Protein backbone atom coordinates (compact mmCIF):
# COMPACT_ATOMS: atom_id res chain seq x y z
CA UNK A 1 0.00 0.00 0.00
CA UNK A 2 1.35 3.41 -0.99
CA UNK A 3 0.00 6.32 1.00
CA UNK A 4 0.11 9.78 -0.56
CA UNK A 5 -0.86 13.27 0.43
CA UNK A 6 -0.20 16.85 -0.62
CA UNK A 7 1.57 19.50 1.42
CA UNK A 8 2.16 23.20 0.87
CA UNK A 9 5.69 24.48 0.28
CA UNK A 10 7.44 27.66 -0.87
CA UNK A 11 7.55 26.13 -4.39
CA UNK A 12 3.86 25.22 -4.44
CA UNK A 13 2.00 22.06 -3.54
CA UNK A 14 4.10 18.90 -3.27
CA UNK A 15 2.68 15.39 -3.43
CA UNK A 16 4.46 13.03 -1.02
CA UNK A 17 4.11 9.24 -1.36
CA UNK A 18 5.51 6.45 0.80
CA UNK A 19 5.09 2.74 1.29
CA UNK A 20 6.62 0.14 3.60
CA UNK A 21 9.94 0.35 1.73
CA UNK A 22 10.38 4.11 2.04
CA UNK A 23 9.67 7.41 0.34
CA UNK A 24 8.45 6.69 -3.20
CA UNK A 25 7.73 10.09 -4.67
CA UNK A 26 7.78 13.84 -4.31
CA UNK A 27 5.92 15.53 -7.13
CA UNK A 28 5.48 19.15 -8.05
CA UNK A 29 1.90 20.01 -8.92
CA UNK A 30 1.09 19.66 -11.72
CA UNK A 31 3.62 16.94 -12.44
CA UNK A 32 5.30 16.51 -15.83
CA UNK A 33 6.30 12.91 -15.06
CA UNK A 34 3.91 11.60 -12.43
CA UNK A 35 4.86 8.33 -10.81
CA UNK A 36 2.58 5.54 -12.02
CA UNK A 37 -0.25 4.98 -9.58
CA UNK A 38 -1.92 1.61 -9.31
CA UNK A 39 -4.78 0.28 -7.22
CA UNK A 40 -2.43 0.10 -4.23
CA UNK A 41 -2.23 3.89 -3.90
CA UNK A 42 -4.37 5.53 -1.23
CA UNK A 43 -4.75 9.28 -0.83
CA UNK A 44 -5.14 10.81 2.60
CA UNK A 45 -5.78 14.39 3.62
CA UNK A 46 -2.68 16.03 5.15
CA UNK A 47 -4.69 17.16 8.19
CA UNK A 48 -5.45 13.48 8.94
CA UNK A 49 -2.02 12.13 7.99
CA UNK A 50 -0.34 10.14 10.75
CA UNK A 51 2.08 8.27 8.48
CA UNK A 52 5.44 8.73 10.27
CA UNK A 53 7.58 8.83 7.10
CA UNK A 54 5.34 11.39 5.39
CA UNK A 55 5.42 13.53 8.55
CA UNK A 56 9.22 13.16 8.76
CA UNK A 57 9.55 14.11 5.08
CA UNK A 58 7.41 17.20 5.57
CA UNK A 59 9.49 18.21 8.61
CA UNK A 60 12.79 17.80 6.76
CA UNK A 61 11.46 19.72 3.75
CA UNK A 62 10.40 22.57 6.07
CA UNK A 63 13.90 22.61 7.57
CA UNK A 64 15.44 22.62 4.07
CA UNK A 65 13.27 25.53 2.91
CA UNK A 66 14.10 27.43 6.12
CA UNK A 67 17.82 27.01 5.35
CA UNK A 68 18.34 24.74 8.35
CA UNK A 69 18.95 21.45 6.48
CA UNK A 70 21.51 20.71 3.78
CA UNK A 71 20.99 16.93 3.53
CA UNK A 72 18.03 14.61 3.97
CA UNK A 73 17.94 11.54 6.19
CA UNK A 74 15.00 9.51 4.90
CA UNK A 75 14.57 5.92 3.73
CA UNK A 76 14.17 6.18 -0.04
CA UNK A 77 12.43 3.69 -2.33
CA UNK A 78 12.36 5.14 -5.87
CA UNK A 79 11.25 2.78 -8.62
CA UNK A 80 13.08 2.77 -11.94
CA UNK A 81 15.51 0.89 -14.14
CA UNK A 82 18.95 -0.03 -12.83
CA UNK A 83 20.45 2.80 -14.92
CA UNK A 84 17.95 5.34 -13.56
CA UNK A 85 18.60 4.24 -9.98
CA UNK A 86 22.37 4.59 -10.59
CA UNK A 87 21.87 8.15 -11.86
CA UNK A 88 19.58 9.00 -8.93
CA UNK A 89 22.18 7.65 -6.51
CA UNK A 90 24.78 9.93 -8.12
CA UNK A 91 22.44 12.89 -7.60
CA UNK A 92 22.57 12.23 -3.86
CA UNK A 93 26.33 12.80 -3.94
CA UNK A 94 26.13 16.35 -5.36
CA UNK A 95 26.88 18.60 -2.37
CA UNK A 96 24.46 21.24 -1.18
CA UNK A 97 25.23 24.54 -2.88
CA UNK A 98 27.13 22.93 -5.77
CA UNK A 99 26.13 22.29 -9.36
CA UNK A 100 27.32 19.80 -11.95
CA UNK A 101 26.68 19.50 -15.69
CA UNK A 102 24.92 16.57 -17.29
CA UNK A 103 28.20 15.68 -19.04
CA UNK A 104 30.11 15.75 -15.75
CA UNK A 105 27.46 13.54 -14.16
CA UNK A 106 27.69 11.05 -17.05
CA UNK A 107 31.49 11.00 -16.72
CA UNK A 108 31.23 10.54 -12.95
CA UNK A 109 29.03 7.51 -13.63
CA UNK A 110 31.63 6.00 -15.97
CA UNK A 111 29.55 6.62 -19.09
CA UNK A 112 30.87 9.85 -20.64
CA UNK A 113 28.99 9.26 -23.91
CA UNK A 114 25.65 8.82 -22.10
CA UNK A 115 24.93 12.49 -21.43
CA UNK A 116 21.45 12.35 -22.98
CA UNK A 117 20.54 9.15 -21.15
CA UNK A 118 21.73 10.69 -17.90
CA UNK A 119 19.61 13.75 -18.67
CA UNK A 120 16.57 11.58 -19.33
CA UNK A 121 17.07 9.64 -16.08
CA UNK A 122 17.56 12.92 -14.25
CA UNK A 123 14.25 14.13 -15.68
CA UNK A 124 12.46 11.03 -14.38
CA UNK A 125 13.78 11.44 -10.83
CA UNK A 126 10.78 10.62 -8.61
CA UNK A 127 12.30 12.31 -5.54
CA UNK A 128 13.28 15.86 -6.55
CA UNK A 129 14.74 18.11 -3.86
CA UNK A 130 15.73 15.05 -1.75
CA UNK A 131 17.67 13.59 -4.71
CA UNK A 132 18.80 17.01 -5.93
CA UNK A 133 18.31 16.92 -9.69
CA UNK A 134 17.98 20.72 -9.57
CA UNK A 135 21.77 20.83 -9.04
CA UNK A 136 22.36 19.50 -12.58
CA UNK A 137 22.78 22.29 -15.13
CA UNK A 138 23.82 22.76 -18.74
CA UNK A 139 27.50 22.57 -19.71
CA UNK A 140 27.47 26.34 -20.29
CA UNK A 141 26.07 26.98 -16.81
CA UNK A 142 22.52 27.54 -18.03
CA UNK A 143 19.50 26.30 -16.17
CA UNK A 144 17.94 23.57 -18.26
CA UNK A 145 14.88 21.35 -17.91
CA UNK A 146 13.37 20.73 -14.50
CA UNK A 147 10.11 18.99 -13.57
CA UNK A 148 9.16 21.80 -11.22
CA UNK A 149 9.89 24.45 -13.87
CA UNK A 150 12.91 26.71 -14.27
CA UNK A 151 11.68 29.32 -11.74
CA UNK A 152 11.57 26.57 -9.10
CA UNK A 153 15.03 25.33 -10.11
CA UNK A 154 16.36 28.88 -9.80
CA UNK A 155 14.66 29.28 -6.39
CA UNK A 156 16.22 26.05 -5.06
CA UNK A 157 19.70 26.93 -6.34
CA UNK A 158 19.42 30.43 -4.86
CA UNK A 159 18.24 28.94 -1.55
CA UNK A 160 21.37 26.78 -1.50
CA UNK A 161 23.67 29.64 -2.51
CA UNK A 162 24.61 28.06 -5.86
CA UNK A 163 23.17 31.09 -7.65
CA UNK A 164 23.13 34.68 -6.45
CA UNK A 165 19.78 35.92 -5.24
CA UNK A 166 17.98 38.18 -7.69
CA UNK A 167 18.91 41.80 -7.14
CA UNK A 168 15.93 44.09 -7.59
CA UNK A 169 18.23 47.02 -8.30
CA UNK A 170 20.37 45.36 -10.98
CA UNK A 171 20.30 47.02 -14.37
């Protein structure tokens, strides 16, 4: 049984889903690549949610958005191919406040010619923010594709200090 609910966040509503194996999904709303839901998924209202992992996830996300948490300590259970899971594991190793290009990530994974495949796996990451796919950028330093949208990617990178905050008085 996978339990899911929606919480509010500074980047809009986030769907959180967990089962007995761990955290299965965090989705921006609306989601570009929603995790497949089967008959075993049960929605609960956040006000009635007593699921300890969903509550722990919400608490750690609040700490992250407040600038009080740089790393997450949650049992994770993303579903995907072996290659996708390898890429998602590499995402977890990108330090808070740092960025890496898709090409650098592919090289780090021992597959320097697999930049596009790494990008596709990155785009299917079911646990954004916790597995920080927002820290992966274009080779030229540009912000490229992100399931939560580029404004959200910019917000997260600014929160972490990887990008300067917008200056209202800049020309």
